[in-house]
Amino acid sequence: MTYLPTPCRVRDLPGCTLFTLPPEIDLSNATAVFDAVATAVHARGDRLAMLVLDLTGTRFMDSQGARLVEDVRRLLGPRVPLRVAASPSGVPRRVLELTGVRRDVPVYDDASQARSA
């Protein structure tokens, strides 16, 4: 099978950068997604006030997605808050709960909640 990556979408909003993640995150694309997030973070430098990872459109995510969120948290360090939006009944939210990532990164029901919290 030939893997065709799904592009991520980045939007600069007042007070935060919103990064919409692809419909699936697994071993086949987690590294590329992290690289895209890291590029966006580095491009914004000191202007980055908060980063929101939007997983509300992500239907499937395995432990590589949880690792991705942890890697982004480490990349940002304590200077830039990281928030995650994930559907309450979706697979990504459950993966973040099972792996314990949710203890370190706040998870909200949607991107607007994450931005305003």
N, C-alpha and C. Protein backbone atom coordinates (compact mmCIF):
# COMPACT_ATOMS: atom_id res chain seq x y z
N MET A 1 0.83 -1.17 0.00
CA MET A 1 0.00 0.00 0.00
C MET A 1 0.88 1.24 0.00
N THR A 2 0.54 2.21 -0.80
CA THR A 2 1.25 3.48 -0.86
C THR A 2 0.60 4.45 0.10
N TYR A 3 1.39 5.00 0.98
CA TYR A 3 0.87 5.96 1.96
C TYR A 3 0.85 7.35 1.35
N LEU A 4 -0.31 7.98 1.40
CA LEU A 4 -0.44 9.36 0.96
C LEU A 4 -0.75 10.21 2.18
N PRO A 5 0.16 11.09 2.59
CA PRO A 5 -0.06 11.85 3.82
C PRO A 5 -1.22 12.83 3.69
N THR A 6 -1.92 12.98 4.79
CA THR A 6 -2.98 13.97 4.87
C THR A 6 -2.37 15.23 5.46
N PRO A 7 -2.46 16.33 4.76
CA PRO A 7 -1.83 17.55 5.29
C PRO A 7 -2.55 18.05 6.54
N CYS A 8 -1.77 18.66 7.41
CA CYS A 8 -2.31 19.31 8.60
C CYS A 8 -2.61 20.75 8.23
N ARG A 9 -3.51 21.35 8.98
CA ARG A 9 -3.85 22.74 8.73
C ARG A 9 -3.42 23.58 9.93
N VAL A 10 -2.75 24.70 9.67
CA VAL A 10 -2.28 25.58 10.72
C VAL A 10 -2.96 26.94 10.54
N ARG A 11 -3.52 27.44 11.65
CA ARG A 11 -4.15 28.77 11.61
C ARG A 11 -3.67 29.58 12.80
N ASP A 12 -3.24 30.81 12.52
CA ASP A 12 -2.88 31.72 13.59
C ASP A 12 -4.12 32.51 13.97
N LEU A 13 -4.53 32.36 15.21
CA LEU A 13 -5.70 33.04 15.74
C LEU A 13 -5.24 33.98 16.85
N PRO A 14 -6.08 34.91 17.25
CA PRO A 14 -5.67 35.80 18.34
C PRO A 14 -5.29 35.00 19.60
N GLY A 15 -4.06 35.13 20.01
CA GLY A 15 -3.60 34.48 21.24
C GLY A 15 -3.16 33.05 21.12
N CYS A 16 -3.32 32.43 19.95
CA CYS A 16 -2.89 31.03 19.83
C CYS A 16 -2.70 30.62 18.38
N THR A 17 -2.02 29.51 18.23
CA THR A 17 -1.90 28.86 16.93
C THR A 17 -2.68 27.56 17.02
N LEU A 18 -3.58 27.34 16.08
CA LEU A 18 -4.42 26.15 16.04
C LEU A 18 -3.89 25.22 14.97
N PHE A 19 -3.57 24.00 15.37
CA PHE A 19 -3.02 23.00 14.46
C PHE A 19 -4.03 21.87 14.35
N THR A 20 -4.70 21.76 13.20
CA THR A 20 -5.69 20.71 12.97
C THR A 20 -4.98 19.48 12.44
N LEU A 21 -5.09 18.38 13.18
CA LEU A 21 -4.38 17.16 12.84
C LEU A 21 -5.20 16.28 11.90
N PRO A 22 -4.54 15.34 11.22
CA PRO A 22 -5.21 14.53 10.19
C PRO A 22 -6.21 13.53 10.78
N PRO A 23 -7.02 12.92 9.91
CA PRO A 23 -8.04 11.96 10.35
C PRO A 23 -7.47 10.70 11.00
N GLU A 24 -6.23 10.36 10.70
CA GLU A 24 -5.59 9.19 11.30
C GLU A 24 -4.17 9.55 11.71
N ILE A 25 -3.77 9.09 12.88
CA ILE A 25 -2.39 9.27 13.34
C ILE A 25 -1.90 7.92 13.84
N ASP A 26 -0.88 7.42 13.17
CA ASP A 26 -0.29 6.15 13.56
C ASP A 26 1.17 6.13 13.12
N LEU A 27 1.76 4.96 13.13
CA LEU A 27 3.18 4.83 12.80
C LEU A 27 3.52 5.37 11.41
N SER A 28 2.56 5.31 10.50
CA SER A 28 2.84 5.72 9.13
C SER A 28 2.99 7.23 8.96
N ASN A 29 2.44 8.02 9.88
CA ASN A 29 2.52 9.46 9.67
C ASN A 29 2.88 10.29 10.90
N ALA A 30 3.02 9.68 12.07
CA ALA A 30 3.25 10.44 13.30
C ALA A 30 4.52 11.28 13.22
N THR A 31 5.57 10.76 12.66
CA THR A 31 6.82 11.52 12.55
C THR A 31 6.64 12.73 11.64
N ALA A 32 5.96 12.55 10.52
CA ALA A 32 5.72 13.66 9.60
C ALA A 32 4.83 14.73 10.23
N VAL A 33 3.84 14.30 11.00
CA VAL A 33 2.96 15.25 11.68
C VAL A 33 3.76 16.03 12.72
N PHE A 34 4.59 15.33 13.50
CA PHE A 34 5.43 16.04 14.48
C PHE A 34 6.34 17.04 13.78
N ASP A 35 6.95 16.64 12.68
CA ASP A 35 7.84 17.55 11.94
C ASP A 35 7.08 18.79 11.48
N ALA A 36 5.85 18.63 11.04
CA ALA A 36 5.04 19.77 10.61
C ALA A 36 4.74 20.70 11.78
N VAL A 37 4.41 20.12 12.93
CA VAL A 37 4.15 20.94 14.13
C VAL A 37 5.42 21.66 14.55
N ALA A 38 6.55 20.94 14.57
CA ALA A 38 7.82 21.55 14.97
C ALA A 38 8.21 22.69 14.04
N THR A 39 7.98 22.52 12.76
CA THR A 39 8.28 23.59 11.79
C THR A 39 7.43 24.82 12.08
N ALA A 40 6.15 24.61 12.36
CA ALA A 40 5.25 25.72 12.66
C ALA A 40 5.67 26.42 13.96
N VAL A 41 6.04 25.65 14.95
CA VAL A 41 6.48 26.21 16.23
C VAL A 41 7.74 27.04 16.05
N HIS A 42 8.72 26.50 15.36
CA HIS A 42 9.98 27.22 15.15
C HIS A 42 9.78 28.47 14.29
N ALA A 43 8.88 28.41 13.33
CA ALA A 43 8.63 29.56 12.46
C ALA A 43 8.02 30.73 13.24
N ARG A 44 7.27 30.42 14.29
CA ARG A 44 6.62 31.46 15.06
C ARG A 44 7.50 31.99 16.19
N GLY A 45 8.48 31.24 16.59
CA GLY A 45 9.44 31.69 17.60
C GLY A 45 8.78 32.24 18.84
N ASP A 46 9.22 33.41 19.25
CA ASP A 46 8.70 34.05 20.47
C ASP A 46 7.28 34.57 20.32
N ARG A 47 6.76 34.59 19.11
CA ARG A 47 5.38 35.06 18.90
C ARG A 47 4.35 34.01 19.30
N LEU A 48 4.79 32.78 19.50
CA LEU A 48 3.86 31.70 19.84
C LEU A 48 3.45 31.82 21.31
N ALA A 49 2.17 32.11 21.54
CA ALA A 49 1.67 32.30 22.91
C ALA A 49 1.03 31.03 23.46
N MET A 50 0.38 30.24 22.59
CA MET A 50 -0.28 29.01 22.99
C MET A 50 -0.47 28.17 21.73
N LEU A 51 -0.39 26.84 21.90
CA LEU A 51 -0.61 25.93 20.78
C LEU A 51 -1.77 25.02 21.13
N VAL A 52 -2.73 24.92 20.21
CA VAL A 52 -3.86 24.01 20.37
C VAL A 52 -3.76 22.96 19.28
N LEU A 53 -3.70 21.69 19.69
CA LEU A 53 -3.74 20.58 18.74
C LEU A 53 -5.19 20.12 18.66
N ASP A 54 -5.78 20.23 17.49
CA ASP A 54 -7.18 19.88 17.29
C ASP A 54 -7.29 18.46 16.74
N LEU A 55 -7.75 17.55 17.60
CA LEU A 55 -7.95 16.16 17.23
C LEU A 55 -9.42 15.83 17.02
N THR A 56 -10.27 16.85 16.96
CA THR A 56 -11.71 16.57 16.84
C THR A 56 -12.08 15.91 15.53
N GLY A 57 -11.28 16.07 14.50
CA GLY A 57 -11.53 15.42 13.22
C GLY A 57 -10.73 14.14 13.04
N THR A 58 -9.99 13.76 14.06
CA THR A 58 -9.17 12.55 13.99
C THR A 58 -10.03 11.37 14.43
N ARG A 59 -10.21 10.42 13.53
CA ARG A 59 -11.05 9.25 13.81
C ARG A 59 -10.27 8.10 14.42
N PHE A 60 -8.98 7.99 14.06
CA PHE A 60 -8.15 6.90 14.58
C PHE A 60 -6.82 7.46 15.04
N MET A 61 -6.39 6.98 16.19
CA MET A 61 -5.08 7.35 16.72
C MET A 61 -4.63 6.20 17.62
N ASP A 62 -3.39 5.79 17.44
CA ASP A 62 -2.85 4.77 18.33
C ASP A 62 -1.85 5.43 19.28
N SER A 63 -1.01 4.64 19.91
CA SER A 63 -0.06 5.19 20.88
C SER A 63 0.92 6.17 20.25
N GLN A 64 1.11 6.10 18.94
CA GLN A 64 1.99 7.06 18.27
C GLN A 64 1.41 8.48 18.35
N GLY A 65 0.10 8.59 18.36
CA GLY A 65 -0.54 9.89 18.53
C GLY A 65 -0.32 10.44 19.92
N ALA A 66 -0.39 9.57 20.93
CA ALA A 66 -0.10 10.01 22.30
C ALA A 66 1.35 10.44 22.41
N ARG A 67 2.23 9.70 21.79
CA ARG A 67 3.65 10.07 21.78
C ARG A 67 3.85 11.41 21.09
N LEU A 68 3.14 11.63 20.01
CA LEU A 68 3.21 12.90 19.29
C LEU A 68 2.85 14.06 20.23
N VAL A 69 1.77 13.94 20.98
CA VAL A 69 1.35 15.00 21.89
C VAL A 69 2.42 15.23 22.96
N GLU A 70 2.97 14.16 23.51
CA GLU A 70 4.05 14.29 24.51
C GLU A 70 5.29 14.95 23.90
N ASP A 71 5.64 14.58 22.69
CA ASP A 71 6.80 15.18 22.03
C ASP A 71 6.59 16.67 21.79
N VAL A 72 5.38 17.05 21.42
CA VAL A 72 5.07 18.48 21.22
C VAL A 72 5.16 19.21 22.55
N ARG A 73 4.65 18.60 23.62
CA ARG A 73 4.71 19.22 24.95
C ARG A 73 6.17 19.47 25.35
N ARG A 74 7.03 18.49 25.11
CA ARG A 74 8.45 18.67 25.43
C ARG A 74 9.10 19.73 24.54
N LEU A 75 8.71 19.76 23.28
CA LEU A 75 9.24 20.75 22.35
C LEU A 75 8.91 22.17 22.83
N LEU A 76 7.69 22.37 23.29
CA LEU A 76 7.26 23.70 23.72
C LEU A 76 7.88 24.10 25.05
N GLY A 77 8.11 23.14 25.93
CA GLY A 77 8.63 23.45 27.25
C GLY A 77 7.61 24.21 28.08
N PRO A 78 8.04 24.76 29.19
CA PRO A 78 7.09 25.43 30.09
C PRO A 78 6.65 26.82 29.61
N ARG A 79 7.33 27.37 28.63
CA ARG A 79 7.05 28.73 28.17
C ARG A 79 5.74 28.86 27.41
N VAL A 80 5.38 27.86 26.63
CA VAL A 80 4.20 27.92 25.76
C VAL A 80 3.20 26.85 26.19
N PRO A 81 1.98 27.25 26.60
CA PRO A 81 0.98 26.25 26.97
C PRO A 81 0.50 25.44 25.77
N LEU A 82 0.30 24.16 26.01
CA LEU A 82 -0.24 23.26 25.00
C LEU A 82 -1.61 22.80 25.47
N ARG A 83 -2.57 22.86 24.58
CA ARG A 83 -3.91 22.35 24.86
C ARG A 83 -4.33 21.46 23.71
N VAL A 84 -5.17 20.49 24.03
CA VAL A 84 -5.65 19.54 23.03
C VAL A 84 -7.17 19.58 23.00
N ALA A 85 -7.72 19.54 21.80
CA ALA A 85 -9.17 19.41 21.61
C ALA A 85 -9.42 18.02 21.04
N ALA A 86 -10.27 17.25 21.72
CA ALA A 86 -10.59 15.90 21.28
C ALA A 86 -12.04 15.59 21.64
N SER A 87 -12.77 15.04 20.72
CA SER A 87 -14.17 14.70 20.94
C SER A 87 -14.29 13.79 22.17
N PRO A 88 -15.26 14.07 23.05
CA PRO A 88 -15.40 13.28 24.28
C PRO A 88 -15.60 11.78 24.04
N SER A 89 -16.21 11.41 22.95
CA SER A 89 -16.46 10.00 22.69
C SER A 89 -15.53 9.42 21.62
N GLY A 90 -14.52 10.16 21.23
CA GLY A 90 -13.63 9.72 20.16
C GLY A 90 -12.45 8.88 20.64
N VAL A 91 -11.87 8.16 19.72
CA VAL A 91 -10.72 7.32 19.99
C VAL A 91 -9.52 8.14 20.51
N PRO A 92 -9.20 9.30 19.91
CA PRO A 92 -8.04 10.04 20.42
C PRO A 92 -8.13 10.38 21.91
N ARG A 93 -9.31 10.78 22.35
CA ARG A 93 -9.47 11.12 23.77
C ARG A 93 -9.21 9.90 24.65
N ARG A 94 -9.73 8.77 24.22
CA ARG A 94 -9.54 7.53 25.00
C ARG A 94 -8.06 7.14 25.02
N VAL A 95 -7.38 7.27 23.91
CA VAL A 95 -5.94 6.96 23.86
C VAL A 95 -5.17 7.87 24.81
N LEU A 96 -5.51 9.15 24.83
CA LEU A 96 -4.83 10.09 25.72
C LEU A 96 -5.10 9.76 27.18
N GLU A 97 -6.29 9.27 27.49
CA GLU A 97 -6.61 8.86 28.85
C GLU A 97 -5.84 7.59 29.24
N LEU A 98 -5.87 6.58 28.37
CA LEU A 98 -5.23 5.30 28.67
C LEU A 98 -3.72 5.41 28.81
N THR A 99 -3.12 6.29 28.03
CA THR A 99 -1.66 6.43 28.08
C THR A 99 -1.20 7.40 29.16
N GLY A 100 -2.11 8.10 29.80
CA GLY A 100 -1.75 9.02 30.86
C GLY A 100 -1.35 10.40 30.38
N VAL A 101 -1.37 10.64 29.09
CA VAL A 101 -0.98 11.94 28.55
C VAL A 101 -1.92 13.03 29.06
N ARG A 102 -3.15 12.68 29.27
CA ARG A 102 -4.14 13.66 29.71
C ARG A 102 -3.80 14.26 31.08
N ARG A 103 -3.00 13.58 31.87
CA ARG A 103 -2.57 14.15 33.16
C ARG A 103 -1.66 15.36 32.96
N ASP A 104 -0.89 15.36 31.88
CA ASP A 104 0.10 16.41 31.63
C ASP A 104 -0.39 17.50 30.69
N VAL A 105 -1.37 17.17 29.86
CA VAL A 105 -1.85 18.11 28.85
C VAL A 105 -3.37 18.23 28.99
N PRO A 106 -3.88 19.46 29.17
CA PRO A 106 -5.33 19.61 29.27
C PRO A 106 -6.03 19.26 27.95
N VAL A 107 -7.14 18.52 28.08
CA VAL A 107 -7.91 18.10 26.90
C VAL A 107 -9.32 18.69 27.03
N TYR A 108 -9.77 19.32 25.96
CA TYR A 108 -11.08 19.97 25.92
C TYR A 108 -11.93 19.33 24.84
N ASP A 109 -13.24 19.57 24.91
CA ASP A 109 -14.17 18.94 23.97
C ASP A 109 -14.06 19.48 22.55
N ASP A 110 -13.69 20.74 22.38
CA ASP A 110 -13.54 21.30 21.05
C ASP A 110 -12.48 22.40 21.07
N ALA A 111 -12.12 22.86 19.90
CA ALA A 111 -11.03 23.83 19.77
C ALA A 111 -11.37 25.18 20.40
N SER A 112 -12.62 25.60 20.32
CA SER A 112 -12.98 26.89 20.90
C SER A 112 -12.86 26.86 22.43
N GLN A 113 -13.23 25.74 23.05
CA GLN A 113 -13.04 25.59 24.50
C GLN A 113 -11.56 25.62 24.84
N ALA A 114 -10.76 24.92 24.07
CA ALA A 114 -9.33 24.86 24.33
C ALA A 114 -8.69 26.24 24.23
N ARG A 115 -9.13 27.02 23.24
CA ARG A 115 -8.56 28.36 23.03
C ARG A 115 -8.94 29.30 24.16
N SER A 116 -10.15 29.18 24.68
CA SER A 116 -10.64 30.17 25.64
C SER A 116 -10.42 29.77 27.10
N ALA A 117 -10.02 28.56 27.36
CA ALA A 117 -9.86 28.09 28.75
C ALA A 117 -8.69 28.77 29.45
